[in-house]
C-alpha atoms as a PDB file:
ATOM      1  CA  UNK A   1      64.291-248.812 -72.226  1.00  0.00           C
ATOM      2  CA  UNK A   2      63.237-247.641 -68.775  1.00  0.00           C
ATOM      3  CA  UNK A   3      60.314-250.082 -68.905  1.00  0.00           C
ATOM      4  CA  UNK A   4      62.775-252.989 -69.112  1.00  0.00           C
ATOM      5  CA  UNK A   5      64.917-251.642 -66.281  1.00  0.00           C
ATOM      6  CA  UNK A   6      61.790-251.091 -64.178  1.00  0.00           C
ATOM      7  CA  UNK A   7      60.721-254.656 -64.921  1.00  0.00           C
ATOM      8  CA  UNK A   8      64.121-256.051 -63.909  1.00  0.00           C
ATOM      9  CA  UNK A   9      64.244-254.080 -60.676  1.00  0.00           C
ATOM     10  CA  UNK A  10      60.673-254.699 -59.557  1.00  0.00           C
ATOM     11  CA  UNK A  11      60.390-258.240 -60.900  1.00  0.00           C
ATOM     12  CA  UNK A  12      58.786-260.633 -58.449  1.00  0.00           C
ATOM     13  CA  UNK A  13      57.734-257.926 -56.012  1.00  0.00           C
ATOM     14  CA  UNK A  14      54.253-257.334 -57.382  1.00  0.00           C
ATOM     15  CA  UNK A  15      55.029-253.617 -57.631  1.00  0.00           C
ATOM     16  CA  UNK A  16      55.785-253.301 -61.356  1.00  0.00           C
ATOM     17  CA  UNK A  17      52.757-251.125 -62.156  1.00  0.00           C
ATOM     18  CA  UNK A  18      53.409-248.841 -59.197  1.00  0.00           C
ATOM     19  CA  UNK A  19      57.087-248.480 -60.079  1.00  0.00           C
ATOM     20  CA  UNK A  20      56.316-247.866 -63.750  1.00  0.00           C
ATOM     21  CA  UNK A  21      53.726-245.256 -62.830  1.00  0.00           C
ATOM     22  CA  UNK A  22      56.145-243.445 -60.543  1.00  0.00           C
ATOM     23  CA  UNK A  23      58.957-243.387 -63.102  1.00  0.00           C
ATOM     24  CA  UNK A  24      56.644-242.263 -65.905  1.00  0.00           C
ATOM     25  CA  UNK A  25      55.202-239.517 -63.710  1.00  0.00           C
ATOM     26  CA  UNK A  26      58.658-238.343 -62.662  1.00  0.00           C
ATOM     27  CA  UNK A  27      59.819-238.122 -66.282  1.00  0.00           C
ATOM     28  CA  UNK A  28      56.691-236.230 -67.352  1.00  0.00           C
ATOM     29  CA  UNK A  29      56.781-233.809 -64.434  1.00  0.00           C
ATOM     30  CA  UNK A  30      60.523-233.262 -64.891  1.00  0.00           C
ATOM     31  CA  UNK A  31      60.100-232.429 -68.575  1.00  0.00           C
ATOM     32  CA  UNK A  32      57.300-229.976 -67.848  1.00  0.00           C
ATOM     33  CA  UNK A  33      58.965-228.272 -64.893  1.00  0.00           C
ATOM     34  CA  UNK A  34      62.324-227.932 -66.669  1.00  0.00           C
ATOM     35  CA  UNK A  35      60.662-226.053 -69.535  1.00  0.00           C
ATOM     36  CA  UNK A  36      59.071-223.537 -67.207  1.00  0.00           C
ATOM     37  CA  UNK A  37      62.189-223.267 -65.065  1.00  0.00           C
ATOM     38  CA  UNK A  38      64.392-222.795 -68.129  1.00  0.00           C
ATOM     39  CA  UNK A  39      62.131-220.035 -69.404  1.00  0.00           C
ATOM     40  CA  UNK A  40      62.161-218.226 -66.058  1.00  0.00           C
ATOM     41  CA  UNK A  41      65.942-218.478 -65.716  1.00  0.00           C
ATOM     42  CA  UNK A  42      66.477-217.361 -69.326  1.00  0.00           C
ATOM     43  CA  UNK A  43      64.334-214.262 -68.788  1.00  0.00           C
ATOM     44  CA  UNK A  44      66.150-213.328 -65.585  1.00  0.00           C
ATOM     45  CA  UNK A  45      69.749-214.389 -66.300  1.00  0.00           C
ATOM     46  CA  UNK A  46      70.021-215.135 -70.012  1.00  0.00           C
ATOM     47  CA  UNK A  47      70.069-218.231 -72.160  1.00  0.00           C
ATOM     48  CA  UNK A  48      73.652-219.270 -71.352  1.00  0.00           C
ATOM     49  CA  UNK A  49      72.980-219.308 -67.615  1.00  0.00           C
ATOM     50  CA  UNK A  50      69.703-221.170 -68.130  1.00  0.00           C
ATOM     51  CA  UNK A  51      71.487-223.796 -70.214  1.00  0.00           C
ATOM     52  CA  UNK A  52      74.263-224.235 -67.652  1.00  0.00           C
ATOM     53  CA  UNK A  53      71.923-224.414 -64.646  1.00  0.00           C
ATOM     54  CA  UNK A  54      69.587-226.933 -66.275  1.00  0.00           C
ATOM     55  CA  UNK A  55      72.610-228.905 -67.508  1.00  0.00           C
ATOM     56  CA  UNK A  56      73.984-229.220 -63.966  1.00  0.00           C
ATOM     57  CA  UNK A  57      70.521-230.082 -62.651  1.00  0.00           C
ATOM     58  CA  UNK A  58      70.219-232.909 -65.184  1.00  0.00           C
ATOM     59  CA  UNK A  59      73.765-234.115 -64.536  1.00  0.00           C
ATOM     60  CA  UNK A  60      73.068-234.775 -60.838  1.00  0.00           C
ATOM     61  CA  UNK A  61      70.463-237.553 -61.356  1.00  0.00           C
ATOM     62  CA  UNK A  62      72.520-239.001 -64.220  1.00  0.00           C
ATOM     63  CA  UNK A  63      75.556-239.382 -61.942  1.00  0.00           C
ATOM     64  CA  UNK A  64      73.405-240.821 -59.136  1.00  0.00           C
ATOM     65  CA  UNK A  65      71.858-243.290 -61.598  1.00  0.00           C
ATOM     66  CA  UNK A  66      75.293-244.316 -62.861  1.00  0.00           C
ATOM     67  CA  UNK A  67      76.719-245.033 -59.416  1.00  0.00           C
ATOM     68  CA  UNK A  68      73.719-246.364 -57.490  1.00  0.00           C
ATOM     69  CA  UNK A  69      71.616-248.254 -60.050  1.00  0.00           C
ATOM     70  CA  UNK A  70      72.140-252.005 -59.620  1.00  0.00           C
ATOM     71  CA  UNK A  71      73.144-254.141 -62.596  1.00  0.00           C
ATOM     72  CA  UNK A  72      70.039-255.840 -63.947  1.00  0.00           C
ATOM     73  CA  UNK A  73      71.750-258.303 -66.278  1.00  0.00           C
ATOM     74  CA  UNK A  74      72.897-261.489 -64.544  1.00  0.00           C
ATOM     75  CA  UNK A  75      76.293-263.071 -65.227  1.00  0.00           C
ATOM     76  CA  UNK A  76      74.670-265.911 -67.166  1.00  0.00           C
ATOM     77  CA  UNK A  77      72.768-263.538 -69.434  1.00  0.00           C
ATOM     78  CA  UNK A  78      75.753-261.300 -70.070  1.00  0.00           C
ATOM     79  CA  UNK A  79      77.921-264.233 -71.153  1.00  0.00           C
ATOM     80  CA  UNK A  80      80.627-263.619 -68.556  1.00  0.00           C
ATOM     81  CA  UNK A  81      80.537-267.238 -67.395  1.00  0.00           C
ATOM     82  CA  UNK A  82      81.258-268.552 -70.890  1.00  0.00           C
ATOM     83  CA  UNK A  83      83.759-267.533 -73.468  1.00  0.00           C
ATOM     84  CA  UNK A  84      82.394-266.827 -76.934  1.00  0.00           C
ATOM     85  CA  UNK A  85      83.756-270.157 -78.202  1.00  0.00           C
ATOM     86  CA  UNK A  86      81.880-272.090 -75.541  1.00  0.00           C
ATOM     87  CA  UNK A  87      78.645-270.276 -76.366  1.00  0.00           C
ATOM     88  CA  UNK A  88      78.971-271.102 -80.051  1.00  0.00           C
ATOM     89  CA  UNK A  89      79.785-274.726 -79.244  1.00  0.00           C
ATOM     90  CA  UNK A  90      76.663-274.948 -77.097  1.00  0.00           C
ATOM     91  CA  UNK A  91      74.544-273.615 -79.933  1.00  0.00           C
ATOM     92  CA  UNK A  92      76.131-275.933 -82.470  1.00  0.00           C
ATOM     93  CA  UNK A  93      75.571-278.959 -80.242  1.00  0.00           C
ATOM     94  CA  UNK A  94      71.905-278.056 -79.760  1.00  0.00           C
ATOM     95  CA  UNK A  95      72.227-277.080 -76.111  1.00  0.00           C
ATOM     96  CA  UNK A  96      68.917-275.806 -74.774  1.00  0.00           C
ATOM     97  CA  UNK A  97      68.943-272.603 -72.790  1.00  0.00           C
ATOM     98  CA  UNK A  98      66.222-271.625 -70.393  1.00  0.00           C
ATOM     99  CA  UNK A  99      64.601-268.335 -71.293  1.00  0.00           C
ATOM    100  CA  UNK A 100      62.506-266.382 -68.793  1.00  0.00           C
ATOM    101  CA  UNK A 101      60.173-265.591 -71.689  1.00  0.00           C
ATOM    102  CA  UNK A 102      59.432-269.186 -72.671  1.00  0.00           C
ATOM    103  CA  UNK A 103      59.659-270.692 -76.130  1.00  0.00           C
ATOM    104  CA  UNK A 104      59.499-268.111 -78.887  1.00  0.00           C
ATOM    105  CA  UNK A 105      58.956-270.582 -81.753  1.00  0.00           C
END
């Protein structure tokens, strides 16, 4: 899923590969470091404290992502500009929609 979000955010900038590399590296490094950090905290403070500390540490980026990540789905794609009846009428009447991915058939 993060590949699609990365594509939406970096689309048209020519930086997709760089952005994908950075996000993949961050996820890999975060997974590795959290294992070692969790082990060290568990040995010093116990498993409950390790779980709570790592839980709070993972909650911080999740909250930042929730509030600061821009919406990548446009109004046209989300269907907010049409009601569901209008969308079905357009399909029934053979209305062509432009897809950024070209013709699939």
